[in-house]
Amino acid sequence: MARWHCHNQRFVAACASAGIPLDSGFGPGAHEWGYWDTEIRTVLDRLLDEIR
């Protein structure tokens, strides 16, 4: 898991260097249903805010 976290952080840094806006957050959790059940609500709320 740590390997992917490192790649994700490098991707975020590359976007920042290129001036590409990106909203990212890293916290406890893994690719498991409990994590995604919680996070999908946040993602959908943000998408709805952008559409409105």
PDB file of N, CA and C in Angstrom:
ATOM      1  N   MET A   1       0.820  -1.195   0.000  1.00  0.00           N
ATOM      2  CA  MET A   1       0.000   0.000   0.000  1.00  0.00           C
ATOM      3  C   MET A   1       0.864   1.259   0.000  1.00  0.00           C
ATOM      4  N   ALA A   2       1.940   1.267   0.743  1.00  0.00           N
ATOM      5  CA  ALA A   2       2.791   2.454   0.824  1.00  0.00           C
ATOM      6  C   ALA A   2       3.339   2.836  -0.542  1.00  0.00           C
ATOM      7  N   ARG A   3       3.577   1.848  -1.392  1.00  0.00           N
ATOM      8  CA  ARG A   3       4.100   2.127  -2.730  1.00  0.00           C
ATOM      9  C   ARG A   3       3.122   3.000  -3.510  1.00  0.00           C
ATOM     10  N   TRP A   4       1.857   2.678  -3.457  1.00  0.00           N
ATOM     11  CA  TRP A   4       0.851   3.449  -4.188  1.00  0.00           C
ATOM     12  C   TRP A   4       0.696   4.835  -3.594  1.00  0.00           C
ATOM     13  N   HIS A   5       0.779   4.929  -2.284  1.00  0.00           N
ATOM     14  CA  HIS A   5       0.667   6.233  -1.626  1.00  0.00           C
ATOM     15  C   HIS A   5       1.771   7.160  -2.132  1.00  0.00           C
ATOM     16  N   CYS A   6       2.961   6.643  -2.262  1.00  0.00           N
ATOM     17  CA  CYS A   6       4.097   7.427  -2.763  1.00  0.00           C
ATOM     18  C   CYS A   6       3.837   7.897  -4.194  1.00  0.00           C
ATOM     19  N   HIS A   7       3.326   7.013  -5.043  1.00  0.00           N
ATOM     20  CA  HIS A   7       3.007   7.386  -6.428  1.00  0.00           C
ATOM     21  C   HIS A   7       1.928   8.469  -6.458  1.00  0.00           C
ATOM     22  N   ASN A   8       0.931   8.336  -5.614  1.00  0.00           N
ATOM     23  CA  ASN A   8      -0.139   9.330  -5.568  1.00  0.00           C
ATOM     24  C   ASN A   8       0.400  10.690  -5.144  1.00  0.00           C
ATOM     25  N   GLN A   9       1.271  10.707  -4.156  1.00  0.00           N
ATOM     26  CA  GLN A   9       1.848  11.975  -3.704  1.00  0.00           C
ATOM     27  C   GLN A   9       2.705  12.601  -4.801  1.00  0.00           C
ATOM     28  N   ARG A  10       3.434  11.786  -5.550  1.00  0.00           N
ATOM     29  CA  ARG A  10       4.242  12.305  -6.655  1.00  0.00           C
ATOM     30  C   ARG A  10       3.357  12.884  -7.756  1.00  0.00           C
ATOM     31  N   PHE A  11       2.218  12.243  -8.013  1.00  0.00           N
ATOM     32  CA  PHE A  11       1.279  12.749  -9.001  1.00  0.00           C
ATOM     33  C   PHE A  11       0.733  14.112  -8.575  1.00  0.00           C
ATOM     34  N   VAL A  12       0.362  14.244  -7.322  1.00  0.00           N
ATOM     35  CA  VAL A  12      -0.151  15.512  -6.799  1.00  0.00           C
ATOM     36  C   VAL A  12       0.917  16.599  -6.931  1.00  0.00           C
ATOM     37  N   ALA A  13       2.156  16.272  -6.598  1.00  0.00           N
ATOM     38  CA  ALA A  13       3.257  17.237  -6.702  1.00  0.00           C
ATOM     39  C   ALA A  13       3.490  17.639  -8.159  1.00  0.00           C
ATOM     40  N   ALA A  14       3.409  16.694  -9.081  1.00  0.00           N
ATOM     41  CA  ALA A  14       3.599  17.001 -10.502  1.00  0.00           C
ATOM     42  C   ALA A  14       2.493  17.923 -11.016  1.00  0.00           C
ATOM     43  N   CYS A  15       1.265  17.679 -10.583  1.00  0.00           N
ATOM     44  CA  CYS A  15       0.161  18.558 -10.980  1.00  0.00           C
ATOM     45  C   CYS A  15       0.392  19.970 -10.452  1.00  0.00           C
ATOM     46  N   ALA A  16       0.815  20.075  -9.201  1.00  0.00           N
ATOM     47  CA  ALA A  16       1.079  21.388  -8.611  1.00  0.00           C
ATOM     48  C   ALA A  16       2.183  22.106  -9.378  1.00  0.00           C
ATOM     49  N   SER A  17       3.237  21.405  -9.747  1.00  0.00           N
ATOM     50  CA  SER A  17       4.349  21.995 -10.502  1.00  0.00           C
ATOM     51  C   SER A  17       3.895  22.503 -11.855  1.00  0.00           C
ATOM     52  N   ALA A  18       2.942  21.799 -12.451  1.00  0.00           N
ATOM     53  CA  ALA A  18       2.448  22.170 -13.775  1.00  0.00           C
ATOM     54  C   ALA A  18       1.315  23.191 -13.709  1.00  0.00           C
ATOM     55  N   GLY A  19       0.929  23.588 -12.492  1.00  0.00           N
ATOM     56  CA  GLY A  19      -0.140  24.557 -12.342  1.00  0.00           C
ATOM     57  C   GLY A  19      -1.525  23.982 -12.595  1.00  0.00           C
ATOM     58  N   ILE A  20      -1.653  22.675 -12.451  1.00  0.00           N
ATOM     59  CA  ILE A  20      -2.936  22.006 -12.652  1.00  0.00           C
ATOM     60  C   ILE A  20      -3.655  21.916 -11.315  1.00  0.00           C
ATOM     61  N   PRO A  21      -4.828  22.542 -11.215  1.00  0.00           N
ATOM     62  CA  PRO A  21      -5.546  22.477  -9.939  1.00  0.00           C
ATOM     63  C   PRO A  21      -6.014  21.057  -9.647  1.00  0.00           C
ATOM     64  N   LEU A  22      -5.828  20.645  -8.432  1.00  0.00           N
ATOM     65  CA  LEU A  22      -6.177  19.284  -8.038  1.00  0.00           C
ATOM     66  C   LEU A  22      -6.553  19.297  -6.563  1.00  0.00           C
ATOM     67  N   ASP A  23      -7.648  18.675  -6.258  1.00  0.00           N
ATOM     68  CA  ASP A  23      -8.070  18.549  -4.868  1.00  0.00           C
ATOM     69  C   ASP A  23      -7.765  17.123  -4.438  1.00  0.00           C
ATOM     70  N   SER A  24      -6.873  16.976  -3.499  1.00  0.00           N
ATOM     71  CA  SER A  24      -6.508  15.633  -3.051  1.00  0.00           C
ATOM     72  C   SER A  24      -6.473  15.605  -1.536  1.00  0.00           C
ATOM     73  N   GLY A  25      -6.668  14.450  -1.010  1.00  0.00           N
ATOM     74  CA  GLY A  25      -6.588  14.273   0.427  1.00  0.00           C
ATOM     75  C   GLY A  25      -6.160  12.856   0.733  1.00  0.00           C
ATOM     76  N   PHE A  26      -5.293  12.729   1.672  1.00  0.00           N
ATOM     77  CA  PHE A  26      -4.806  11.414   2.067  1.00  0.00           C
ATOM     78  C   PHE A  26      -5.104  11.220   3.541  1.00  0.00           C
ATOM     79  N   GLY A  27      -5.707  10.132   3.852  1.00  0.00           N
ATOM     80  CA  GLY A  27      -6.030   9.866   5.241  1.00  0.00           C
ATOM     81  C   GLY A  27      -6.022   8.379   5.502  1.00  0.00           C
ATOM     82  N   PRO A  28      -6.403   8.014   6.690  1.00  0.00           N
ATOM     83  CA  PRO A  28      -6.403   6.587   7.010  1.00  0.00           C
ATOM     84  C   PRO A  28      -7.478   5.858   6.202  1.00  0.00           C
ATOM     85  N   GLY A  29      -7.173   4.662   5.848  1.00  0.00           N
ATOM     86  CA  GLY A  29      -8.125   3.855   5.093  1.00  0.00           C
ATOM     87  C   GLY A  29      -7.418   3.109   3.989  1.00  0.00           C
ATOM     88  N   ALA A  30      -8.139   2.249   3.363  1.00  0.00           N
ATOM     89  CA  ALA A  30      -7.595   1.452   2.272  1.00  0.00           C
ATOM     90  C   ALA A  30      -8.708   1.248   1.257  1.00  0.00           C
ATOM     91  N   HIS A  31      -8.407   0.526   0.224  1.00  0.00           N
ATOM     92  CA  HIS A  31      -9.409   0.220  -0.794  1.00  0.00           C
ATOM     93  C   HIS A  31     -10.330  -0.871  -0.264  1.00  0.00           C
ATOM     94  N   GLU A  32     -11.209  -0.438   0.597  1.00  0.00           N
ATOM     95  CA  GLU A  32     -12.170  -1.361   1.204  1.00  0.00           C
ATOM     96  C   GLU A  32     -13.523  -0.656   1.209  1.00  0.00           C
ATOM     97  N   TRP A  33     -14.587  -1.412   1.295  1.00  0.00           N
ATOM     98  CA  TRP A  33     -15.929  -0.843   1.184  1.00  0.00           C
ATOM     99  C   TRP A  33     -16.235   0.180   2.247  1.00  0.00           C
ATOM    100  N   GLY A  34     -15.822  -0.026   3.458  1.00  0.00           N
ATOM    101  CA  GLY A  34     -16.103   0.930   4.515  1.00  0.00           C
ATOM    102  C   GLY A  34     -15.552   2.314   4.200  1.00  0.00           C
ATOM    103  N   TYR A  35     -14.347   2.344   3.681  1.00  0.00           N
ATOM    104  CA  TYR A  35     -13.712   3.617   3.311  1.00  0.00           C
ATOM    105  C   TYR A  35     -14.482   4.279   2.174  1.00  0.00           C
ATOM    106  N   TRP A  36     -14.751   3.518   1.131  1.00  0.00           N
ATOM    107  CA  TRP A  36     -15.418   4.101  -0.041  1.00  0.00           C
ATOM    108  C   TRP A  36     -16.865   4.464   0.222  1.00  0.00           C
ATOM    109  N   ASP A  37     -17.545   3.735   1.075  1.00  0.00           N
ATOM    110  CA  ASP A  37     -18.919   4.102   1.430  1.00  0.00           C
ATOM    111  C   ASP A  37     -18.955   5.503   2.034  1.00  0.00           C
ATOM    112  N   THR A  38     -17.953   5.844   2.804  1.00  0.00           N
ATOM    113  CA  THR A  38     -17.872   7.169   3.411  1.00  0.00           C
ATOM    114  C   THR A  38     -17.409   8.205   2.394  1.00  0.00           C
ATOM    115  N   GLU A  39     -16.378   7.900   1.653  1.00  0.00           N
ATOM    116  CA  GLU A  39     -15.784   8.874   0.730  1.00  0.00           C
ATOM    117  C   GLU A  39     -16.657   9.180  -0.477  1.00  0.00           C
ATOM    118  N   ILE A  40     -17.438   8.224  -0.944  1.00  0.00           N
ATOM    119  CA  ILE A  40     -18.246   8.476  -2.139  1.00  0.00           C
ATOM    120  C   ILE A  40     -19.250   9.592  -1.880  1.00  0.00           C
ATOM    121  N   ARG A  41     -19.715   9.707  -0.667  1.00  0.00           N
ATOM    122  CA  ARG A  41     -20.646  10.797  -0.336  1.00  0.00           C
ATOM    123  C   ARG A  41     -19.969  12.157  -0.524  1.00  0.00           C
ATOM    124  N   THR A  42     -18.747  12.267  -0.080  1.00  0.00           N
ATOM    125  CA  THR A  42     -17.992  13.513  -0.232  1.00  0.00           C
ATOM    126  C   THR A  42     -17.767  13.830  -1.703  1.00  0.00           C
ATOM    127  N   VAL A  43     -17.377  12.829  -2.462  1.00  0.00           N
ATOM    128  CA  VAL A  43     -17.114  13.021  -3.888  1.00  0.00           C
ATOM    129  C   VAL A  43     -18.387  13.451  -4.617  1.00  0.00           C
ATOM    130  N   LEU A  44     -19.474  12.778  -4.360  1.00  0.00           N
ATOM    131  CA  LEU A  44     -20.729  13.124  -5.031  1.00  0.00           C
ATOM    132  C   LEU A  44     -21.201  14.526  -4.647  1.00  0.00           C
ATOM    133  N   ASP A  45     -21.043  14.903  -3.395  1.00  0.00           N
ATOM    134  CA  ASP A  45     -21.407  16.259  -2.980  1.00  0.00           C
ATOM    135  C   ASP A  45     -20.588  17.301  -3.731  1.00  0.00           C
ATOM    136  N   ARG A  46     -19.304  17.054  -3.885  1.00  0.00           N
ATOM    137  CA  ARG A  46     -18.448  17.999  -4.613  1.00  0.00           C
ATOM    138  C   ARG A  46     -18.844  18.071  -6.077  1.00  0.00           C
ATOM    139  N   LEU A  47     -19.146  16.938  -6.674  1.00  0.00           N
ATOM    140  CA  LEU A  47     -19.574  16.942  -8.080  1.00  0.00           C
ATOM    141  C   LEU A  47     -20.875  17.717  -8.254  1.00  0.00           C
ATOM    142  N   LEU A  48     -21.807  17.513  -7.370  1.00  0.00           N
ATOM    143  CA  LEU A  48     -23.071  18.240  -7.445  1.00  0.00           C
ATOM    144  C   LEU A  48     -22.853  19.736  -7.283  1.00  0.00           C
ATOM    145  N   ASP A  49     -21.957  20.141  -6.398  1.00  0.00           N
ATOM    146  CA  ASP A  49     -21.650  21.561  -6.224  1.00  0.00           C
ATOM    147  C   ASP A  49     -21.083  22.160  -7.513  1.00  0.00           C
ATOM    148  N   GLU A  50     -20.263  21.403  -8.215  1.00  0.00           N
ATOM    149  CA  GLU A  50     -19.671  21.883  -9.475  1.00  0.00           C
ATOM    150  C   GLU A  50     -20.718  21.997 -10.583  1.00  0.00           C
ATOM    151  N   ILE A  51     -21.675  21.092 -10.583  1.00  0.00           N
ATOM    152  CA  ILE A  51     -22.703  21.099 -11.624  1.00  0.00           C
ATOM    153  C   ILE A  51     -23.664  22.269 -11.434  1.00  0.00           C
ATOM    154  N   ARG A  52     -23.970  22.578 -10.195  1.00  0.00           N
ATOM    155  CA  ARG A  52     -24.951  23.637  -9.899  1.00  0.00           C
ATOM    156  C   ARG A  52     -24.453  24.976 -10.261  1.00  0.00           C
TER     157      ARG A  52
END
